[in-house]
Amino acid sequence: MTQLYEAETRGVRVRVAPSFLPEHSDPDERRFVWAYTVEIENGGRETVQLVDRRWIITDARGHVEEVKGPGVVGEQPTLHPGDSYQYTSGCPLPTDSGAMVGSYGLVTDAGERFEAAIPAFSLHLPGAERLVN
């Protein structure tokens, strides 16, 4: 069963389900790859557009990498109240575990910007102890 992580900011719920991809990983080459599926649900009263993202990725050695950029998977979706948006992306690490956390930059129809929290979640091999949450 996949672990589900969730955070909510101003009625915007972000759910993340990570999974290890053994078929894309090569432990001998110190390459461990995870996919994560994100669902963003607008439970608020305002229409919002996702304009950018910020990720903090930490490997098992404590090396931290920050990733910023416009939108997600090449899109900047608009979510009306009650709408949801889902996408899947991936993260390679040089260690067999790690963690990710971040935020999405959202803009309301009125032009107000706010950050929606992406919950901290662990990247771990199946059967390994969960390090986050």
N, C-alpha and C. Protein backbone atom coordinates (compact mmCIF):
# COMPACT_ATOMS: atom_id res chain seq x y z
N MET A 1 0.84 -1.19 0.00
CA MET A 1 0.00 0.00 0.00
C MET A 1 0.89 1.25 0.00
N THR A 2 0.53 2.20 -0.83
CA THR A 2 1.30 3.43 -0.95
C THR A 2 0.93 4.38 0.18
N GLN A 3 1.94 4.97 0.79
CA GLN A 3 1.74 5.98 1.83
C GLN A 3 1.24 7.26 1.18
N LEU A 4 0.24 7.90 1.78
CA LEU A 4 -0.31 9.15 1.27
C LEU A 4 -0.01 10.27 2.27
N TYR A 5 0.51 11.38 1.77
CA TYR A 5 0.84 12.54 2.59
C TYR A 5 -0.06 13.69 2.16
N GLU A 6 -0.51 14.52 3.10
CA GLU A 6 -1.46 15.57 2.76
C GLU A 6 -1.19 16.84 3.56
N ALA A 7 -1.40 17.99 2.90
CA ALA A 7 -1.33 19.30 3.55
C ALA A 7 -2.44 20.17 2.96
N GLU A 8 -2.88 21.17 3.73
CA GLU A 8 -3.92 22.08 3.25
C GLU A 8 -3.54 23.51 3.58
N THR A 9 -3.72 24.39 2.60
CA THR A 9 -3.46 25.82 2.76
C THR A 9 -4.62 26.58 2.12
N ARG A 10 -5.34 27.36 2.89
CA ARG A 10 -6.45 28.18 2.37
C ARG A 10 -7.44 27.36 1.53
N GLY A 11 -7.72 26.17 1.97
CA GLY A 11 -8.69 25.32 1.28
C GLY A 11 -8.10 24.52 0.12
N VAL A 12 -6.83 24.74 -0.22
CA VAL A 12 -6.19 23.99 -1.29
C VAL A 12 -5.48 22.79 -0.65
N ARG A 13 -5.95 21.58 -0.98
CA ARG A 13 -5.37 20.35 -0.44
C ARG A 13 -4.37 19.77 -1.44
N VAL A 14 -3.21 19.43 -0.94
CA VAL A 14 -2.17 18.80 -1.75
C VAL A 14 -1.91 17.43 -1.17
N ARG A 15 -2.12 16.39 -1.98
CA ARG A 15 -1.87 15.01 -1.56
C ARG A 15 -0.75 14.43 -2.43
N VAL A 16 0.18 13.73 -1.78
CA VAL A 16 1.31 13.15 -2.50
C VAL A 16 1.41 11.67 -2.16
N ALA A 17 1.58 10.85 -3.19
CA ALA A 17 1.78 9.40 -3.03
C ALA A 17 3.08 9.01 -3.75
N PRO A 18 4.17 8.81 -3.00
CA PRO A 18 5.44 8.41 -3.63
C PRO A 18 5.53 6.90 -3.80
N SER A 19 6.32 6.46 -4.79
CA SER A 19 6.58 5.04 -4.97
C SER A 19 7.96 4.84 -5.59
N PHE A 20 8.64 3.80 -5.14
CA PHE A 20 9.97 3.46 -5.63
C PHE A 20 9.85 2.81 -7.00
N LEU A 21 10.76 3.13 -7.93
CA LEU A 21 10.75 2.57 -9.28
C LEU A 21 11.99 1.69 -9.49
N PRO A 22 11.92 0.42 -9.08
CA PRO A 22 13.11 -0.44 -9.22
C PRO A 22 13.56 -0.61 -10.66
N GLU A 23 12.62 -0.55 -11.62
CA GLU A 23 12.97 -0.75 -13.02
C GLU A 23 13.79 0.40 -13.59
N HIS A 24 13.77 1.56 -12.93
CA HIS A 24 14.55 2.71 -13.37
C HIS A 24 15.77 2.97 -12.48
N SER A 25 15.92 2.15 -11.46
CA SER A 25 17.00 2.34 -10.49
C SER A 25 18.14 1.37 -10.75
N ASP A 26 19.33 1.75 -10.32
CA ASP A 26 20.51 0.89 -10.42
C ASP A 26 21.36 1.10 -9.17
N PRO A 27 21.09 0.29 -8.12
CA PRO A 27 21.83 0.46 -6.86
C PRO A 27 23.35 0.37 -7.03
N ASP A 28 23.84 -0.45 -7.96
CA ASP A 28 25.28 -0.56 -8.19
C ASP A 28 25.87 0.75 -8.69
N GLU A 29 25.06 1.55 -9.40
CA GLU A 29 25.49 2.85 -9.91
C GLU A 29 25.04 3.99 -8.99
N ARG A 30 24.52 3.64 -7.81
CA ARG A 30 24.03 4.62 -6.83
C ARG A 30 22.95 5.53 -7.45
N ARG A 31 22.01 4.90 -8.11
CA ARG A 31 20.89 5.62 -8.71
C ARG A 31 19.59 4.96 -8.23
N PHE A 32 18.82 5.73 -7.46
CA PHE A 32 17.55 5.27 -6.91
C PHE A 32 16.48 6.26 -7.38
N VAL A 33 15.44 5.74 -8.02
CA VAL A 33 14.45 6.61 -8.64
C VAL A 33 13.07 6.37 -8.03
N TRP A 34 12.40 7.48 -7.72
CA TRP A 34 11.04 7.43 -7.20
C TRP A 34 10.12 8.22 -8.11
N ALA A 35 8.88 7.78 -8.19
CA ALA A 35 7.81 8.57 -8.80
C ALA A 35 6.98 9.12 -7.65
N TYR A 36 6.34 10.24 -7.90
CA TYR A 36 5.38 10.74 -6.92
C TYR A 36 4.20 11.31 -7.70
N THR A 37 3.02 10.93 -7.26
CA THR A 37 1.79 11.42 -7.86
C THR A 37 1.20 12.46 -6.92
N VAL A 38 0.90 13.62 -7.47
CA VAL A 38 0.36 14.73 -6.69
C VAL A 38 -1.06 15.02 -7.15
N GLU A 39 -1.95 15.19 -6.19
CA GLU A 39 -3.29 15.67 -6.48
C GLU A 39 -3.47 16.99 -5.75
N ILE A 40 -3.89 18.01 -6.49
CA ILE A 40 -4.15 19.33 -5.93
C ILE A 40 -5.66 19.55 -6.06
N GLU A 41 -6.31 19.76 -4.94
CA GLU A 41 -7.76 19.92 -4.93
C GLU A 41 -8.11 21.29 -4.35
N ASN A 42 -8.91 22.04 -5.09
CA ASN A 42 -9.33 23.36 -4.61
C ASN A 42 -10.64 23.23 -3.85
N GLY A 43 -10.52 23.15 -2.53
CA GLY A 43 -11.70 23.11 -1.67
C GLY A 43 -12.09 24.48 -1.16
N GLY A 44 -11.42 25.52 -1.66
CA GLY A 44 -11.71 26.89 -1.23
C GLY A 44 -12.80 27.53 -2.07
N ARG A 45 -12.97 28.82 -1.86
CA ARG A 45 -14.02 29.57 -2.55
C ARG A 45 -13.51 30.38 -3.73
N GLU A 46 -12.18 30.45 -3.88
CA GLU A 46 -11.58 31.27 -4.93
C GLU A 46 -10.98 30.39 -6.03
N THR A 47 -11.04 30.87 -7.26
CA THR A 47 -10.33 30.22 -8.35
C THR A 47 -8.85 30.56 -8.21
N VAL A 48 -8.00 29.56 -8.38
CA VAL A 48 -6.54 29.77 -8.25
C VAL A 48 -5.83 29.17 -9.45
N GLN A 49 -4.69 29.78 -9.79
CA GLN A 49 -3.83 29.23 -10.83
C GLN A 49 -2.48 28.91 -10.21
N LEU A 50 -1.99 27.70 -10.49
CA LEU A 50 -0.66 27.30 -10.04
C LEU A 50 0.34 27.90 -11.02
N VAL A 51 1.20 28.79 -10.51
CA VAL A 51 2.14 29.47 -11.41
C VAL A 51 3.57 28.98 -11.28
N ASP A 52 3.95 28.49 -10.08
CA ASP A 52 5.32 27.97 -9.93
C ASP A 52 5.40 26.97 -8.78
N ARG A 53 6.58 26.38 -8.66
CA ARG A 53 6.79 25.36 -7.63
C ARG A 53 8.17 25.55 -7.02
N ARG A 54 8.31 25.05 -5.81
CA ARG A 54 9.60 25.05 -5.11
C ARG A 54 9.69 23.75 -4.33
N TRP A 55 10.74 22.98 -4.61
CA TRP A 55 10.98 21.72 -3.93
C TRP A 55 12.30 21.79 -3.16
N ILE A 56 12.32 21.19 -1.98
CA ILE A 56 13.54 20.98 -1.22
C ILE A 56 13.70 19.46 -1.13
N ILE A 57 14.77 18.94 -1.73
CA ILE A 57 15.01 17.50 -1.80
C ILE A 57 16.26 17.19 -0.98
N THR A 58 16.12 16.27 -0.04
CA THR A 58 17.23 15.92 0.83
C THR A 58 17.51 14.43 0.70
N ASP A 59 18.78 14.06 0.43
CA ASP A 59 19.11 12.63 0.34
C ASP A 59 19.53 12.12 1.72
N ALA A 60 19.83 10.83 1.80
CA ALA A 60 20.15 10.19 3.08
C ALA A 60 21.45 10.71 3.69
N ARG A 61 22.29 11.34 2.89
CA ARG A 61 23.54 11.91 3.42
C ARG A 61 23.36 13.35 3.91
N GLY A 62 22.15 13.87 3.77
CA GLY A 62 21.88 15.24 4.20
C GLY A 62 22.14 16.29 3.14
N HIS A 63 22.49 15.86 1.91
CA HIS A 63 22.68 16.80 0.81
C HIS A 63 21.31 17.37 0.41
N VAL A 64 21.22 18.69 0.35
CA VAL A 64 19.96 19.36 0.04
C VAL A 64 20.05 20.02 -1.32
N GLU A 65 19.01 19.83 -2.11
CA GLU A 65 18.91 20.46 -3.42
C GLU A 65 17.58 21.19 -3.49
N GLU A 66 17.62 22.43 -3.97
CA GLU A 66 16.39 23.20 -4.16
C GLU A 66 16.08 23.25 -5.65
N VAL A 67 14.83 22.98 -5.99
CA VAL A 67 14.39 23.02 -7.38
C VAL A 67 13.22 24.00 -7.46
N LYS A 68 13.35 25.01 -8.34
CA LYS A 68 12.30 26.00 -8.54
C LYS A 68 11.99 26.08 -10.02
N GLY A 69 10.78 26.46 -10.34
CA GLY A 69 10.46 26.65 -11.74
C GLY A 69 9.00 26.96 -11.95
N PRO A 70 8.66 27.35 -13.18
CA PRO A 70 7.27 27.65 -13.50
C PRO A 70 6.43 26.39 -13.58
N GLY A 71 5.21 26.46 -13.07
CA GLY A 71 4.24 25.38 -13.21
C GLY A 71 4.72 24.02 -12.74
N VAL A 72 4.01 23.01 -13.22
CA VAL A 72 4.35 21.61 -12.96
C VAL A 72 4.19 20.83 -14.26
N VAL A 73 5.10 19.96 -14.55
CA VAL A 73 5.13 19.16 -15.78
C VAL A 73 4.71 19.97 -17.01
N GLY A 74 5.23 21.19 -17.09
CA GLY A 74 4.97 22.04 -18.24
C GLY A 74 3.61 22.71 -18.27
N GLU A 75 2.86 22.64 -17.18
CA GLU A 75 1.52 23.22 -17.15
C GLU A 75 1.38 24.19 -15.98
N GLN A 76 0.46 25.12 -16.12
CA GLN A 76 0.09 26.05 -15.05
C GLN A 76 -1.43 25.99 -14.91
N PRO A 77 -1.93 24.92 -14.28
CA PRO A 77 -3.37 24.68 -14.26
C PRO A 77 -4.14 25.72 -13.43
N THR A 78 -5.35 26.00 -13.88
CA THR A 78 -6.30 26.83 -13.14
C THR A 78 -7.33 25.91 -12.51
N LEU A 79 -7.56 26.12 -11.21
CA LEU A 79 -8.51 25.29 -10.47
C LEU A 79 -9.64 26.15 -9.91
N HIS A 80 -10.82 25.92 -10.42
CA HIS A 80 -12.01 26.58 -9.88
C HIS A 80 -12.40 25.86 -8.60
N PRO A 81 -13.20 26.48 -7.73
CA PRO A 81 -13.64 25.79 -6.52
C PRO A 81 -14.23 24.41 -6.86
N GLY A 82 -13.76 23.38 -6.18
CA GLY A 82 -14.23 22.01 -6.41
C GLY A 82 -13.40 21.24 -7.43
N ASP A 83 -12.54 21.93 -8.21
CA ASP A 83 -11.71 21.26 -9.20
C ASP A 83 -10.51 20.58 -8.54
N SER A 84 -9.97 19.59 -9.24
CA SER A 84 -8.70 19.00 -8.82
C SER A 84 -7.85 18.75 -10.05
N TYR A 85 -6.56 18.64 -9.80
CA TYR A 85 -5.57 18.43 -10.86
C TYR A 85 -4.57 17.40 -10.35
N GLN A 86 -4.20 16.48 -11.21
CA GLN A 86 -3.26 15.42 -10.81
C GLN A 86 -2.15 15.29 -11.83
N TYR A 87 -0.94 15.03 -11.34
CA TYR A 87 0.18 14.77 -12.23
C TYR A 87 1.16 13.83 -11.52
N THR A 88 2.03 13.22 -12.32
CA THR A 88 3.07 12.35 -11.78
C THR A 88 4.42 12.83 -12.30
N SER A 89 5.39 12.86 -11.41
CA SER A 89 6.74 13.24 -11.77
C SER A 89 7.70 12.28 -11.08
N GLY A 90 9.00 12.55 -11.18
CA GLY A 90 9.97 11.64 -10.60
C GLY A 90 11.14 12.36 -9.97
N CYS A 91 11.88 11.59 -9.16
CA CYS A 91 13.04 12.14 -8.47
C CYS A 91 14.12 11.07 -8.34
N PRO A 92 15.28 11.28 -8.98
CA PRO A 92 16.40 10.35 -8.78
C PRO A 92 17.25 10.82 -7.60
N LEU A 93 17.76 9.88 -6.83
CA LEU A 93 18.66 10.19 -5.73
C LEU A 93 19.88 9.28 -5.80
N PRO A 94 21.03 9.73 -5.25
CA PRO A 94 22.22 8.88 -5.19
C PRO A 94 22.23 7.98 -3.95
N THR A 95 21.19 8.10 -3.11
CA THR A 95 21.08 7.28 -1.90
C THR A 95 19.76 6.52 -1.92
N ASP A 96 19.66 5.49 -1.06
CA ASP A 96 18.48 4.65 -1.09
C ASP A 96 17.29 5.20 -0.30
N SER A 97 17.41 6.41 0.20
CA SER A 97 16.28 7.07 0.85
C SER A 97 16.49 8.57 0.82
N GLY A 98 15.43 9.29 1.12
CA GLY A 98 15.49 10.74 1.15
C GLY A 98 14.13 11.30 1.50
N ALA A 99 14.00 12.61 1.33
CA ALA A 99 12.73 13.27 1.64
C ALA A 99 12.55 14.48 0.73
N MET A 100 11.30 14.84 0.53
CA MET A 100 10.96 16.02 -0.26
C MET A 100 9.90 16.83 0.48
N VAL A 101 9.93 18.13 0.29
CA VAL A 101 8.93 19.04 0.83
C VAL A 101 8.95 20.26 -0.08
N GLY A 102 7.90 21.05 -0.07
CA GLY A 102 7.92 22.22 -0.92
C GLY A 102 6.67 23.04 -0.85
N SER A 103 6.46 23.84 -1.91
CA SER A 103 5.26 24.67 -1.99
C SER A 103 4.95 24.99 -3.45
N TYR A 104 3.68 25.29 -3.68
CA TYR A 104 3.23 25.76 -4.99
C TYR A 104 2.87 27.22 -4.85
N GLY A 105 3.31 28.04 -5.78
CA GLY A 105 2.90 29.43 -5.84
C GLY A 105 1.57 29.50 -6.58
N LEU A 106 0.56 30.02 -5.90
CA LEU A 106 -0.78 30.13 -6.48
C LEU A 106 -1.18 31.59 -6.54
N VAL A 107 -1.98 31.93 -7.56
CA VAL A 107 -2.50 33.28 -7.71
C VAL A 107 -4.01 33.19 -7.86
N THR A 108 -4.73 34.01 -7.07
CA THR A 108 -6.19 34.03 -7.15
C THR A 108 -6.63 34.88 -8.34
N ASP A 109 -7.91 34.79 -8.68
CA ASP A 109 -8.45 35.64 -9.76
C ASP A 109 -8.29 37.11 -9.43
N ALA A 110 -8.25 37.46 -8.15
CA ALA A 110 -8.08 38.85 -7.72
C ALA A 110 -6.62 39.30 -7.79
N GLY A 111 -5.71 38.37 -8.16
CA GLY A 111 -4.30 38.71 -8.30
C GLY A 111 -3.48 38.51 -7.04
N GLU A 112 -4.07 37.96 -5.99
CA GLU A 112 -3.34 37.72 -4.75
C GLU A 112 -2.53 36.44 -4.85
N ARG A 113 -1.26 36.53 -4.48
CA ARG A 113 -0.38 35.36 -4.52
C ARG A 113 -0.26 34.78 -3.12
N PHE A 114 -0.25 33.44 -3.05
CA PHE A 114 0.05 32.76 -1.80
C PHE A 114 0.73 31.43 -2.08
N GLU A 115 1.37 30.89 -1.06
CA GLU A 115 2.08 29.62 -1.18
C GLU A 115 1.24 28.52 -0.56
N ALA A 116 0.99 27.46 -1.33
CA ALA A 116 0.29 26.28 -0.80
C ALA A 116 1.34 25.24 -0.44
N ALA A 117 1.28 24.75 0.78
CA ALA A 117 2.27 23.78 1.27
C ALA A 117 2.15 22.44 0.56
N ILE A 118 3.30 21.90 0.18
CA ILE A 118 3.40 20.51 -0.26
C ILE A 118 3.90 19.76 0.97
N PRO A 119 3.19 18.71 1.41
CA PRO A 119 3.61 18.03 2.64
C PRO A 119 4.97 17.37 2.50
N ALA A 120 5.71 17.33 3.60
CA ALA A 120 6.97 16.58 3.62
C ALA A 120 6.64 15.10 3.43
N PHE A 121 7.40 14.43 2.58
CA PHE A 121 7.19 12.99 2.40
C PHE A 121 8.53 12.30 2.21
N SER A 122 8.55 11.04 2.63
CA SER A 122 9.80 10.29 2.55
C SER A 122 9.86 9.45 1.29
N LEU A 123 11.05 9.30 0.80
CA LEU A 123 11.35 8.41 -0.33
C LEU A 123 12.16 7.27 0.28
N HIS A 124 11.58 6.09 0.28
CA HIS A 124 12.25 4.97 0.93
C HIS A 124 11.95 3.69 0.15
N LEU A 125 12.85 2.75 0.29
CA LEU A 125 12.67 1.47 -0.38
C LEU A 125 11.49 0.73 0.24
N PRO A 126 10.77 -0.09 -0.53
CA PRO A 126 9.67 -0.86 0.03
C PRO A 126 10.17 -1.70 1.22
N GLY A 127 9.40 -1.62 2.30
CA GLY A 127 9.76 -2.39 3.49
C GLY A 127 10.70 -1.67 4.43
N ALA A 128 11.26 -0.52 4.02
CA ALA A 128 12.19 0.25 4.86
C ALA A 128 11.38 1.11 5.83
N GLU A 129 12.03 1.51 6.90
CA GLU A 129 11.41 2.39 7.88
C GLU A 129 11.15 3.74 7.25
N ARG A 130 9.94 4.28 7.50
CA ARG A 130 9.61 5.60 6.97
C ARG A 130 10.30 6.66 7.80
N LEU A 131 10.96 7.60 7.13
CA LEU A 131 11.76 8.60 7.81
C LEU A 131 11.00 9.88 8.09
N VAL A 132 9.95 10.17 7.34
CA VAL A 132 9.18 11.39 7.49
C VAL A 132 7.73 11.01 7.72
N ASN A 133 7.08 11.71 8.63
CA ASN A 133 5.67 11.46 8.95
C ASN A 133 5.49 10.07 9.51
